[in-house]
């Protein structure tokens, strides 16, 4: 089979190499999947750089979430077991963790429903307790993680403010349903949020960026507000001033979705059922901005790493023997 392999640590576009590789052999409790679609995530880039919390042995194949097909023909969502990730024609996954792919979504959309939307659902509902009528602020609202949070926030009945960088991303955020879009390149984020909320601030802030975005969040979080820390795509890990959280009565909530797979996997299945229901009634639909062939995977991961994409970029491996995807 063909698979992208990383033999040394560095930038994805430089260290990912497409090669002929042996089809992976499932271990105990694992299944072989034909990859129908593999979604690109920022952690794929971090893994190539050696900066992710999971460091698979070299060489490894990136690709953290797929829509795949089991040997008995079932269409499923999975997080492949590294080092055999999803940017390949075949991957392996834990049988117990397979989730049925929603009928309402095609392969690329289904692949994009998993990690980003699960993270959004856990962050907004389980961690932050977002309620209808509250104001949700989403940083990087046009990106893969942010776009999921925007849709989930709207589905929950929140007023959603999206922060983006540039007019093209602003247009995407509006199409996603943001009630207000703030272009951080052109506007003062803090002043714009305070004006939009009558000085009150945002009840829930969803932050996959860190750095300056977190500093802005601390300035605009409402009384008894909740800042959900999802990641640090901006490259800088902030050091929050806990005295500030104390005097303003707000909460700082960390979210590492992967822990639920080991600590309480039943919650992951419950979340997937909710997401499937929302997709079936059209309340959420992953924004797949690019569908690239397997040969374009390295360039796609690099574009995501560089922050120039919107929504999700999905890799579609060539169907084996010309079979329908």
C-alpha atoms as a PDB file:
ATOM      1  CA  UNK A   1       0.000   0.000   0.000  1.00  0.00           C
ATOM      2  CA  UNK A   2       0.956   3.670  -0.183  1.00  0.00           C
ATOM      3  CA  UNK A   3       1.533   5.537   3.065  1.00  0.00           C
ATOM      4  CA  UNK A   4       3.085   8.794   4.177  1.00  0.00           C
ATOM      5  CA  UNK A   5       5.958   8.227   6.588  1.00  0.00           C
ATOM      6  CA  UNK A   6       7.938  10.532   8.853  1.00  0.00           C
ATOM      7  CA  UNK A   7      11.537   9.349   9.312  1.00  0.00           C
ATOM      8  CA  UNK A   8      12.863  12.485  11.021  1.00  0.00           C
ATOM      9  CA  UNK A   9      11.424  15.380  13.022  1.00  0.00           C
ATOM     10  CA  UNK A  10      10.749  18.666  11.220  1.00  0.00           C
ATOM     11  CA  UNK A  11       8.231  20.639   9.176  1.00  0.00           C
ATOM     12  CA  UNK A  12       5.525  18.400   7.655  1.00  0.00           C
ATOM     13  CA  UNK A  13       6.186  19.522   4.103  1.00  0.00           C
ATOM     14  CA  UNK A  14       9.837  18.544   4.480  1.00  0.00           C
ATOM     15  CA  UNK A  15       9.762  15.336   6.515  1.00  0.00           C
ATOM     16  CA  UNK A  16       6.644  13.548   5.249  1.00  0.00           C
ATOM     17  CA  UNK A  17       7.513  11.090   2.464  1.00  0.00           C
ATOM     18  CA  UNK A  18       5.079   9.024   0.382  1.00  0.00           C
ATOM     19  CA  UNK A  19       6.299   5.439   0.120  1.00  0.00           C
ATOM     20  CA  UNK A  20       5.278   1.871  -0.540  1.00  0.00           C
ATOM     21  CA  UNK A  21       4.776   0.178   2.822  1.00  0.00           C
ATOM     22  CA  UNK A  22       3.515  -3.121   4.130  1.00  0.00           C
ATOM     23  CA  UNK A  23      -0.146  -3.182   5.010  1.00  0.00           C
ATOM     24  CA  UNK A  24      -0.358  -2.948   8.830  1.00  0.00           C
ATOM     25  CA  UNK A  25      -1.269  -6.072  10.776  1.00  0.00           C
ATOM     26  CA  UNK A  26      -3.918  -5.604  13.482  1.00  0.00           C
ATOM     27  CA  UNK A  27      -2.971  -6.644  17.001  1.00  0.00           C
ATOM     28  CA  UNK A  28      -5.238  -8.085  19.674  1.00  0.00           C
ATOM     29  CA  UNK A  29      -8.505  -6.150  19.810  1.00  0.00           C
ATOM     30  CA  UNK A  30      -7.659  -4.200  16.666  1.00  0.00           C
ATOM     31  CA  UNK A  31      -9.154  -4.115  13.170  1.00  0.00           C
ATOM     32  CA  UNK A  32      -7.785  -3.268   9.739  1.00  0.00           C
ATOM     33  CA  UNK A  33      -9.511  -0.349   8.022  1.00  0.00           C
ATOM     34  CA  UNK A  34      -9.460   0.750   4.421  1.00  0.00           C
ATOM     35  CA  UNK A  35      -9.144   4.514   4.705  1.00  0.00           C
ATOM     36  CA  UNK A  36     -11.958   6.266   2.858  1.00  0.00           C
ATOM     37  CA  UNK A  37     -11.071   9.753   4.158  1.00  0.00           C
ATOM     38  CA  UNK A  38      -8.511  11.096   6.636  1.00  0.00           C
ATOM     39  CA  UNK A  39      -8.938  14.501   8.200  1.00  0.00           C
ATOM     40  CA  UNK A  40      -5.968  16.821   8.768  1.00  0.00           C
ATOM     41  CA  UNK A  41      -5.556  18.133  12.321  1.00  0.00           C
ATOM     42  CA  UNK A  42      -3.081  20.638  13.736  1.00  0.00           C
ATOM     43  CA  UNK A  43      -1.672  17.904  16.017  1.00  0.00           C
ATOM     44  CA  UNK A  44      -0.526  16.068  12.866  1.00  0.00           C
ATOM     45  CA  UNK A  45       1.847  18.971  12.282  1.00  0.00           C
ATOM     46  CA  UNK A  46       2.893  19.011  15.931  1.00  0.00           C
ATOM     47  CA  UNK A  47       3.665  15.296  15.717  1.00  0.00           C
ATOM     48  CA  UNK A  48       5.896  15.860  12.691  1.00  0.00           C
ATOM     49  CA  UNK A  49       7.692  18.585  14.673  1.00  0.00           C
ATOM     50  CA  UNK A  50       8.054  16.370  17.742  1.00  0.00           C
ATOM     51  CA  UNK A  51       5.946  18.811  19.759  1.00  0.00           C
ATOM     52  CA  UNK A  52       2.839  16.716  20.400  1.00  0.00           C
ATOM     53  CA  UNK A  53       2.133  14.958  23.713  1.00  0.00           C
ATOM     54  CA  UNK A  54       2.117  11.657  21.809  1.00  0.00           C
ATOM     55  CA  UNK A  55       5.463  10.852  20.178  1.00  0.00           C
ATOM     56  CA  UNK A  56       5.229   7.695  18.087  1.00  0.00           C
ATOM     57  CA  UNK A  57       8.455   5.887  17.194  1.00  0.00           C
ATOM     58  CA  UNK A  58      10.063   6.766  13.875  1.00  0.00           C
ATOM     59  CA  UNK A  59       9.080   6.089  11.193  1.00  0.00           C
ATOM     60  CA  UNK A  60       5.376   6.771  11.678  1.00  0.00           C
ATOM     61  CA  UNK A  61       2.385   7.675   9.552  1.00  0.00           C
ATOM     62  CA  UNK A  62       0.446  10.768  10.732  1.00  0.00           C
ATOM     63  CA  UNK A  63      -3.328  11.058  10.472  1.00  0.00           C
ATOM     64  CA  UNK A  64      -5.319  11.094  13.696  1.00  0.00           C
ATOM     65  CA  UNK A  65      -8.874  10.592  12.482  1.00  0.00           C
ATOM     66  CA  UNK A  66     -10.431   8.699   9.610  1.00  0.00           C
ATOM     67  CA  UNK A  67     -13.611   7.523   8.061  1.00  0.00           C
ATOM     68  CA  UNK A  68     -12.774   3.955   7.194  1.00  0.00           C
ATOM     69  CA  UNK A  69     -14.288   0.726   6.021  1.00  0.00           C
ATOM     70  CA  UNK A  70     -14.004  -2.518   7.959  1.00  0.00           C
ATOM     71  CA  UNK A  71     -13.351  -5.823   6.264  1.00  0.00           C
ATOM     72  CA  UNK A  72     -17.043  -6.670   6.603  1.00  0.00           C
ATOM     73  CA  UNK A  73     -18.066  -3.432   4.862  1.00  0.00           C
ATOM     74  CA  UNK A  74     -19.058  -1.214   7.766  1.00  0.00           C
ATOM     75  CA  UNK A  75     -18.410   2.512   7.417  1.00  0.00           C
ATOM     76  CA  UNK A  76     -16.906   3.766  10.677  1.00  0.00           C
ATOM     77  CA  UNK A  77     -15.085   6.641  12.345  1.00  0.00           C
ATOM     78  CA  UNK A  78     -11.823   5.874  14.108  1.00  0.00           C
ATOM     79  CA  UNK A  79      -8.663   7.306  15.587  1.00  0.00           C
ATOM     80  CA  UNK A  80      -5.956   5.051  14.125  1.00  0.00           C
ATOM     81  CA  UNK A  81      -3.446   3.382  16.409  1.00  0.00           C
ATOM     82  CA  UNK A  82      -0.061   4.982  15.840  1.00  0.00           C
ATOM     83  CA  UNK A  83       2.417   4.528  14.259  1.00  0.00           C
ATOM     84  CA  UNK A  84      -0.070   3.461  11.554  1.00  0.00           C
ATOM     85  CA  UNK A  85      -1.994   6.727  11.100  1.00  0.00           C
ATOM     86  CA  UNK A  86      -4.600   7.663   8.549  1.00  0.00           C
ATOM     87  CA  UNK A  87      -2.558   9.194   5.720  1.00  0.00           C
ATOM     88  CA  UNK A  88      -2.325   5.825   4.032  1.00  0.00           C
ATOM     89  CA  UNK A  89      -4.519   3.414   2.129  1.00  0.00           C
ATOM     90  CA  UNK A  90      -4.943   1.253   5.224  1.00  0.00           C
ATOM     91  CA  UNK A  91      -4.788   1.863   8.971  1.00  0.00           C
ATOM     92  CA  UNK A  92      -5.477  -0.060  12.163  1.00  0.00           C
ATOM     93  CA  UNK A  93      -7.771   0.960  15.005  1.00  0.00           C
ATOM     94  CA  UNK A  94      -9.065  -0.403  18.308  1.00  0.00           C
ATOM     95  CA  UNK A  95     -12.236  -2.361  17.625  1.00  0.00           C
ATOM     96  CA  UNK A  96     -13.880  -1.181  20.841  1.00  0.00           C
ATOM     97  CA  UNK A  97     -13.449   2.486  19.893  1.00  0.00           C
ATOM     98  CA  UNK A  98     -15.051   2.345  16.426  1.00  0.00           C
ATOM     99  CA  UNK A  99     -18.038   4.635  15.938  1.00  0.00           C
ATOM    100  CA  UNK A 100     -20.641   4.335  13.158  1.00  0.00           C
ATOM    101  CA  UNK A 101     -20.242   6.984  10.456  1.00  0.00           C
ATOM    102  CA  UNK A 102     -23.365   9.194  10.279  1.00  0.00           C
ATOM    103  CA  UNK A 103     -25.496   8.488   7.211  1.00  0.00           C
ATOM    104  CA  UNK A 104     -26.122  12.223   6.807  1.00  0.00           C
ATOM    105  CA  UNK A 105     -22.452  12.925   6.034  1.00  0.00           C
ATOM    106  CA  UNK A 106     -20.188  11.858   3.177  1.00  0.00           C
ATOM    107  CA  UNK A 107     -16.786  10.308   3.882  1.00  0.00           C
ATOM    108  CA  UNK A 108     -14.857  13.593   4.121  1.00  0.00           C
ATOM    109  CA  UNK A 109     -17.485  15.231   6.326  1.00  0.00           C
ATOM    110  CA  UNK A 110     -17.706  12.147   8.526  1.00  0.00           C
ATOM    111  CA  UNK A 111     -13.931  12.037   9.013  1.00  0.00           C
ATOM    112  CA  UNK A 112     -14.085  15.675  10.118  1.00  0.00           C
ATOM    113  CA  UNK A 113     -16.890  15.085  12.613  1.00  0.00           C
ATOM    114  CA  UNK A 114     -14.825  13.173  15.124  1.00  0.00           C
ATOM    115  CA  UNK A 115     -12.056  14.931  17.100  1.00  0.00           C
ATOM    116  CA  UNK A 116     -12.974  18.571  16.461  1.00  0.00           C
ATOM    117  CA  UNK A 117     -16.667  18.157  17.174  1.00  0.00           C
ATOM    118  CA  UNK A 118     -16.112  15.834  20.119  1.00  0.00           C
ATOM    119  CA  UNK A 119     -13.709  18.424  21.549  1.00  0.00           C
ATOM    120  CA  UNK A 120     -16.269  21.162  20.966  1.00  0.00           C
ATOM    121  CA  UNK A 121     -19.108  19.208  22.534  1.00  0.00           C
ATOM    122  CA  UNK A 122     -17.105  18.236  25.624  1.00  0.00           C
ATOM    123  CA  UNK A 123     -15.673  21.737  25.953  1.00  0.00           C
ATOM    124  CA  UNK A 124     -18.921  23.635  25.579  1.00  0.00           C
ATOM    125  CA  UNK A 125     -21.338  21.254  27.271  1.00  0.00           C
ATOM    126  CA  UNK A 126     -19.524  19.038  29.768  1.00  0.00           C
ATOM    127  CA  UNK A 127     -16.794  21.462  30.838  1.00  0.00           C
ATOM    128  CA  UNK A 128     -18.354  24.909  30.393  1.00  0.00           C
ATOM    129  CA  UNK A 129     -22.057  24.096  30.721  1.00  0.00           C
ATOM    130  CA  UNK A 130     -23.044  26.442  27.900  1.00  0.00           C
ATOM    131  CA  UNK A 131     -26.703  27.451  28.144  1.00  0.00           C
ATOM    132  CA  UNK A 132     -29.132  28.851  25.601  1.00  0.00           C
ATOM    133  CA  UNK A 133     -29.067  32.636  25.614  1.00  0.00           C
ATOM    134  CA  UNK A 134     -25.441  32.894  26.739  1.00  0.00           C
ATOM    135  CA  UNK A 135     -22.725  34.555  24.675  1.00  0.00           C
ATOM    136  CA  UNK A 136     -19.991  32.326  23.278  1.00  0.00           C
ATOM    137  CA  UNK A 137     -16.733  33.768  21.962  1.00  0.00           C
ATOM    138  CA  UNK A 138     -14.757  31.488  19.625  1.00  0.00           C
ATOM    139  CA  UNK A 139     -11.173  32.258  18.674  1.00  0.00           C
ATOM    140  CA  UNK A 140     -10.007  31.094  15.211  1.00  0.00           C
ATOM    141  CA  UNK A 141     -13.666  30.688  14.344  1.00  0.00           C
ATOM    142  CA  UNK A 142     -13.032  29.822  10.688  1.00  0.00           C
ATOM    143  CA  UNK A 143     -10.553  27.043  11.452  1.00  0.00           C
ATOM    144  CA  UNK A 144     -11.214  23.350  11.856  1.00  0.00           C
ATOM    145  CA  UNK A 145     -11.626  23.393  15.650  1.00  0.00           C
ATOM    146  CA  UNK A 146     -13.265  26.807  15.806  1.00  0.00           C
ATOM    147  CA  UNK A 147     -15.797  26.126  13.057  1.00  0.00           C
ATOM    148  CA  UNK A 148     -17.065  23.093  14.973  1.00  0.00           C
ATOM    149  CA  UNK A 149     -17.477  25.182  18.140  1.00  0.00           C
ATOM    150  CA  UNK A 150     -19.383  27.863  16.222  1.00  0.00           C
ATOM    151  CA  UNK A 151     -21.881  25.335  14.871  1.00  0.00           C
ATOM    152  CA  UNK A 152     -22.284  23.615  18.239  1.00  0.00           C
ATOM    153  CA  UNK A 153     -22.750  26.962  19.962  1.00  0.00           C
ATOM    154  CA  UNK A 154     -25.485  27.979  17.546  1.00  0.00           C
ATOM    155  CA  UNK A 155     -27.148  24.573  17.922  1.00  0.00           C
ATOM    156  CA  UNK A 156     -27.170  25.143  21.701  1.00  0.00           C
ATOM    157  CA  UNK A 157     -28.950  28.477  21.333  1.00  0.00           C
ATOM    158  CA  UNK A 158     -25.997  30.727  22.177  1.00  0.00           C
ATOM    159  CA  UNK A 159     -25.112  34.068  20.646  1.00  0.00           C
ATOM    160  CA  UNK A 160     -21.786  33.402  18.924  1.00  0.00           C
ATOM    161  CA  UNK A 161     -18.986  35.908  18.410  1.00  0.00           C
ATOM    162  CA  UNK A 162     -16.222  34.685  16.114  1.00  0.00           C
ATOM    163  CA  UNK A 163     -12.682  36.063  16.070  1.00  0.00           C
ATOM    164  CA  UNK A 164     -10.738  35.527  12.835  1.00  0.00           C
ATOM    165  CA  UNK A 165      -7.698  36.842  10.992  1.00  0.00           C
ATOM    166  CA  UNK A 166      -8.477  38.402   7.607  1.00  0.00           C
ATOM    167  CA  UNK A 167     -11.490  39.103   5.376  1.00  0.00           C
ATOM    168  CA  UNK A 168     -11.593  35.654   3.747  1.00  0.00           C
ATOM    169  CA  UNK A 169     -11.829  33.948   7.129  1.00  0.00           C
ATOM    170  CA  UNK A 170     -14.386  36.537   8.253  1.00  0.00           C
ATOM    171  CA  UNK A 171     -16.603  35.563   5.330  1.00  0.00           C
ATOM    172  CA  UNK A 172     -16.343  31.887   6.275  1.00  0.00           C
ATOM    173  CA  UNK A 173     -17.226  32.662   9.914  1.00  0.00           C
ATOM    174  CA  UNK A 174     -20.343  34.536   8.810  1.00  0.00           C
ATOM    175  CA  UNK A 175     -21.399  31.612   6.621  1.00  0.00           C
ATOM    176  CA  UNK A 176     -20.945  29.304   9.609  1.00  0.00           C
ATOM    177  CA  UNK A 177     -23.538  31.336  11.487  1.00  0.00           C
ATOM    178  CA  UNK A 178     -21.589  33.710  13.751  1.00  0.00           C
ATOM    179  CA  UNK A 179     -23.806  36.518  15.026  1.00  0.00           C
ATOM    180  CA  UNK A 180     -20.809  38.843  15.083  1.00  0.00           C
ATOM    181  CA  UNK A 181     -17.418  38.430  13.403  1.00  0.00           C
ATOM    182  CA  UNK A 182     -14.337  40.321  14.596  1.00  0.00           C
ATOM    183  CA  UNK A 183     -11.287  40.554  12.330  1.00  0.00           C
ATOM    184  CA  UNK A 184      -8.362  40.735  14.727  1.00  0.00           C
ATOM    185  CA  UNK A 185      -6.204  42.232  11.964  1.00  0.00           C
ATOM    186  CA  UNK A 186      -8.528  45.205  11.587  1.00  0.00           C
ATOM    187  CA  UNK A 187     -10.316  45.566  14.934  1.00  0.00           C
ATOM    188  CA  UNK A 188      -9.534  45.791  18.628  1.00  0.00           C
ATOM    189  CA  UNK A 189     -10.905  42.467  19.839  1.00  0.00           C
ATOM    190  CA  UNK A 190     -11.368  43.547  23.448  1.00  0.00           C
ATOM    191  CA  UNK A 191     -13.171  46.787  22.555  1.00  0.00           C
ATOM    192  CA  UNK A 192     -15.376  45.051  19.972  1.00  0.00           C
ATOM    193  CA  UNK A 193     -16.485  42.308  22.381  1.00  0.00           C
ATOM    194  CA  UNK A 194     -17.225  44.771  25.156  1.00  0.00           C
ATOM    195  CA  UNK A 195     -19.232  46.953  22.790  1.00  0.00           C
ATOM    196  CA  UNK A 196     -21.209  43.983  21.471  1.00  0.00           C
ATOM    197  CA  UNK A 197     -22.041  42.752  24.977  1.00  0.00           C
ATOM    198  CA  UNK A 198     -22.782  46.096  26.579  1.00  0.00           C
ATOM    199  CA  UNK A 199     -19.608  45.811  28.636  1.00  0.00           C
ATOM    200  CA  UNK A 200     -20.610  42.494  30.184  1.00  0.00           C
ATOM    201  CA  UNK A 201     -18.276  40.231  28.197  1.00  0.00           C
ATOM    202  CA  UNK A 202     -18.626  36.641  26.982  1.00  0.00           C
ATOM    203  CA  UNK A 203     -20.037  33.887  29.184  1.00  0.00           C
ATOM    204  CA  UNK A 204     -17.994  31.154  27.544  1.00  0.00           C
ATOM    205  CA  UNK A 205     -14.758  31.585  25.584  1.00  0.00           C
ATOM    206  CA  UNK A 206     -13.415  28.762  23.424  1.00  0.00           C
ATOM    207  CA  UNK A 207      -9.692  29.135  22.872  1.00  0.00           C
ATOM    208  CA  UNK A 208      -7.666  26.795  20.631  1.00  0.00           C
ATOM    209  CA  UNK A 209      -5.038  29.500  20.039  1.00  0.00           C
ATOM    210  CA  UNK A 210      -3.407  30.590  23.320  1.00  0.00           C
ATOM    211  CA  UNK A 211      -0.933  33.462  23.448  1.00  0.00           C
ATOM    212  CA  UNK A 212      -2.502  36.836  22.685  1.00  0.00           C
ATOM    213  CA  UNK A 213      -5.923  35.240  22.207  1.00  0.00           C
ATOM    214  CA  UNK A 214      -5.880  34.037  25.807  1.00  0.00           C
ATOM    215  CA  UNK A 215      -4.818  37.482  27.031  1.00  0.00           C
ATOM    216  CA  UNK A 216      -7.811  38.964  25.205  1.00  0.00           C
ATOM    217  CA  UNK A 217     -10.085  36.297  26.671  1.00  0.00           C
ATOM    218  CA  UNK A 218      -9.126  37.239  30.234  1.00  0.00           C
ATOM    219  CA  UNK A 219     -10.072  40.833  29.493  1.00  0.00           C
ATOM    220  CA  UNK A 220     -13.510  40.078  28.054  1.00  0.00           C
ATOM    221  CA  UNK A 221     -14.744  37.123  30.112  1.00  0.00           C
ATOM    222  CA  UNK A 222     -17.986  37.868  31.937  1.00  0.00           C
ATOM    223  CA  UNK A 223     -18.749  37.519  35.649  1.00  0.00           C
ATOM    224  CA  UNK A 224     -18.870  33.755  36.327  1.00  0.00           C
ATOM    225  CA  UNK A 225     -17.642  33.199  32.773  1.00  0.00           C
ATOM    226  CA  UNK A 226     -15.671  30.171  31.630  1.00  0.00           C
ATOM    227  CA  UNK A 227     -12.563  30.118  29.455  1.00  0.00           C
ATOM    228  CA  UNK A 228     -12.072  26.721  27.819  1.00  0.00           C
ATOM    229  CA  UNK A 229      -8.422  26.094  26.954  1.00  0.00           C
ATOM    230  CA  UNK A 230      -8.344  23.712  23.995  1.00  0.00           C
ATOM    231  CA  UNK A 231      -4.897  24.187  22.467  1.00  0.00           C
ATOM    232  CA  UNK A 232      -2.089  26.528  21.548  1.00  0.00           C
ATOM    233  CA  UNK A 233      -2.161  26.845  17.774  1.00  0.00           C
ATOM    234  CA  UNK A 234      -0.633  30.315  18.119  1.00  0.00           C
ATOM    235  CA  UNK A 235       2.547  28.697  19.401  1.00  0.00           C
ATOM    236  CA  UNK A 236       2.640  30.402  22.795  1.00  0.00           C
ATOM    237  CA  UNK A 237       1.414  28.729  25.993  1.00  0.00           C
ATOM    238  CA  UNK A 238       0.031  31.467  28.281  1.00  0.00           C
ATOM    239  CA  UNK A 239       0.700  31.732  32.000  1.00  0.00           C
ATOM    240  CA  UNK A 240      -2.629  32.864  33.456  1.00  0.00           C
ATOM    241  CA  UNK A 241      -2.734  35.272  36.375  1.00  0.00           C
ATOM    242  CA  UNK A 242      -4.784  33.344  38.922  1.00  0.00           C
ATOM    243  CA  UNK A 243      -5.313  36.455  41.037  1.00  0.00           C
ATOM    244  CA  UNK A 244      -7.171  37.896  38.039  1.00  0.00           C
ATOM    245  CA  UNK A 245      -9.435  34.827  37.850  1.00  0.00           C
ATOM    246  CA  UNK A 246     -10.090  35.252  41.568  1.00  0.00           C
ATOM    247  CA  UNK A 247     -11.052  38.934  41.518  1.00  0.00           C
ATOM    248  CA  UNK A 248     -13.197  38.601  38.367  1.00  0.00           C
ATOM    249  CA  UNK A 249     -14.900  35.330  39.382  1.00  0.00           C
ATOM    250  CA  UNK A 250     -14.238  33.338  36.222  1.00  0.00           C
ATOM    251  CA  UNK A 251     -13.123  29.771  35.588  1.00  0.00           C
ATOM    252  CA  UNK A 252     -10.231  28.486  33.483  1.00  0.00           C
ATOM    253  CA  UNK A 253     -11.077  25.031  32.164  1.00  0.00           C
ATOM    254  CA  UNK A 254      -8.603  22.692  30.501  1.00  0.00           C
ATOM    255  CA  UNK A 255      -9.783  20.171  27.931  1.00  0.00           C
ATOM    256  CA  UNK A 256      -7.823  17.182  26.661  1.00  0.00           C
ATOM    257  CA  UNK A 257     -10.449  15.200  24.777  1.00  0.00           C
ATOM    258  CA  UNK A 258      -8.227  12.148  24.330  1.00  0.00           C
ATOM    259  CA  UNK A 259      -8.362  11.418  28.051  1.00  0.00           C
ATOM    260  CA  UNK A 260     -12.048  10.551  27.804  1.00  0.00           C
ATOM    261  CA  UNK A 261     -11.159   7.598  25.558  1.00  0.00           C
ATOM    262  CA  UNK A 262      -9.340   6.002  28.499  1.00  0.00           C
ATOM    263  CA  UNK A 263     -11.037   7.569  31.545  1.00  0.00           C
ATOM    264  CA  UNK A 264     -14.691   7.336  30.473  1.00  0.00           C
ATOM    265  CA  UNK A 265     -15.211   5.994  26.923  1.00  0.00           C
ATOM    266  CA  UNK A 266     -18.979   5.746  27.475  1.00  0.00           C
ATOM    267  CA  UNK A 267     -19.084   9.531  27.367  1.00  0.00           C
ATOM    268  CA  UNK A 268     -17.395   9.507  23.956  1.00  0.00           C
ATOM    269  CA  UNK A 269     -20.140   7.233  22.601  1.00  0.00           C
ATOM    270  CA  UNK A 270     -22.822   9.389  24.198  1.00  0.00           C
ATOM    271  CA  UNK A 271     -21.293  12.450  22.580  1.00  0.00           C
ATOM    272  CA  UNK A 272     -21.180  10.716  19.190  1.00  0.00           C
ATOM    273  CA  UNK A 273     -24.866   9.899  19.469  1.00  0.00           C
ATOM    274  CA  UNK A 274     -25.642  13.570  20.134  1.00  0.00           C
ATOM    275  CA  UNK A 275     -23.453  14.680  17.217  1.00  0.00           C
ATOM    276  CA  UNK A 276     -25.094  12.145  14.909  1.00  0.00           C
ATOM    277  CA  UNK A 277     -28.516  13.483  15.879  1.00  0.00           C
ATOM    278  CA  UNK A 278     -27.418  17.071  15.228  1.00  0.00           C
ATOM    279  CA  UNK A 279     -25.971  16.089  11.836  1.00  0.00           C
ATOM    280  CA  UNK A 280     -29.154  14.214  10.899  1.00  0.00           C
ATOM    281  CA  UNK A 281     -31.266  17.340  11.405  1.00  0.00           C
ATOM    282  CA  UNK A 282     -28.756  19.606   9.708  1.00  0.00           C
ATOM    283  CA  UNK A 283     -27.802  21.552  12.829  1.00  0.00           C
ATOM    284  CA  UNK A 284     -24.127  20.777  12.266  1.00  0.00           C
ATOM    285  CA  UNK A 285     -22.211  19.928   9.099  1.00  0.00           C
ATOM    286  CA  UNK A 286     -18.410  19.914   8.983  1.00  0.00           C
ATOM    287  CA  UNK A 287     -17.019  22.547   6.659  1.00  0.00           C
ATOM    288  CA  UNK A 288     -14.646  20.665   4.360  1.00  0.00           C
ATOM    289  CA  UNK A 289     -12.807  23.373   2.465  1.00  0.00           C
ATOM    290  CA  UNK A 290     -10.400  21.087   0.598  1.00  0.00           C
ATOM    291  CA  UNK A 291     -10.490  17.463  -0.513  1.00  0.00           C
ATOM    292  CA  UNK A 292      -7.044  16.377  -1.630  1.00  0.00           C
ATOM    293  CA  UNK A 293      -5.721  13.080  -3.001  1.00  0.00           C
ATOM    294  CA  UNK A 294      -3.295  11.005  -0.973  1.00  0.00           C
ATOM    295  CA  UNK A 295      -0.369  12.515  -2.904  1.00  0.00           C
ATOM    296  CA  UNK A 296      -1.270  15.957  -1.546  1.00  0.00           C
ATOM    297  CA  UNK A 297      -1.287  15.024   2.148  1.00  0.00           C
ATOM    298  CA  UNK A 298       2.094  16.526   3.118  1.00  0.00           C
ATOM    299  CA  UNK A 299       1.298  19.871   1.513  1.00  0.00           C
ATOM    300  CA  UNK A 300      -2.115  19.829   3.187  1.00  0.00           C
ATOM    301  CA  UNK A 301      -0.641  19.226   6.644  1.00  0.00           C
ATOM    302  CA  UNK A 302       1.820  22.061   6.026  1.00  0.00           C
ATOM    303  CA  UNK A 303      -0.997  24.461   5.059  1.00  0.00           C
ATOM    304  CA  UNK A 304      -2.852  23.612   8.257  1.00  0.00           C
ATOM    305  CA  UNK A 305       0.383  24.087  10.217  1.00  0.00           C
ATOM    306  CA  UNK A 306       0.840  27.505   8.608  1.00  0.00           C
ATOM    307  CA  UNK A 307      -2.690  28.589   9.569  1.00  0.00           C
ATOM    308  CA  UNK A 308      -3.777  29.455   6.037  1.00  0.00           C
ATOM    309  CA  UNK A 309      -6.720  27.042   5.761  1.00  0.00           C
ATOM    310  CA  UNK A 310     -10.368  27.365   6.715  1.00  0.00           C
ATOM    311  CA  UNK A 311     -12.624  24.611   7.982  1.00  0.00           C
ATOM    312  CA  UNK A 312     -11.244  21.146   7.423  1.00  0.00           C
ATOM    313  CA  UNK A 313      -8.812  19.762   4.865  1.00  0.00           C
ATOM    314  CA  UNK A 314      -9.432  16.089   4.148  1.00  0.00           C
ATOM    315  CA  UNK A 315      -7.240  13.537   2.405  1.00  0.00           C
ATOM    316  CA  UNK A 316      -8.996  11.027   0.154  1.00  0.00           C
ATOM    317  CA  UNK A 317      -6.770   8.016  -0.585  1.00  0.00           C
ATOM    318  CA  UNK A 318      -7.169   6.622  -4.099  1.00  0.00           C
ATOM    319  CA  UNK A 319      -9.757   3.836  -4.095  1.00  0.00           C
ATOM    320  CA  UNK A 320      -8.082   0.435  -4.309  1.00  0.00           C
ATOM    321  CA  UNK A 321      -8.388  -1.201  -7.749  1.00  0.00           C
ATOM    322  CA  UNK A 322     -10.688   1.601  -8.864  1.00  0.00           C
ATOM    323  CA  UNK A 323     -13.426   0.627  -6.411  1.00  0.00           C
ATOM    324  CA  UNK A 324     -15.980   3.270  -5.504  1.00  0.00           C
ATOM    325  CA  UNK A 325     -15.044   5.426  -2.523  1.00  0.00           C
END
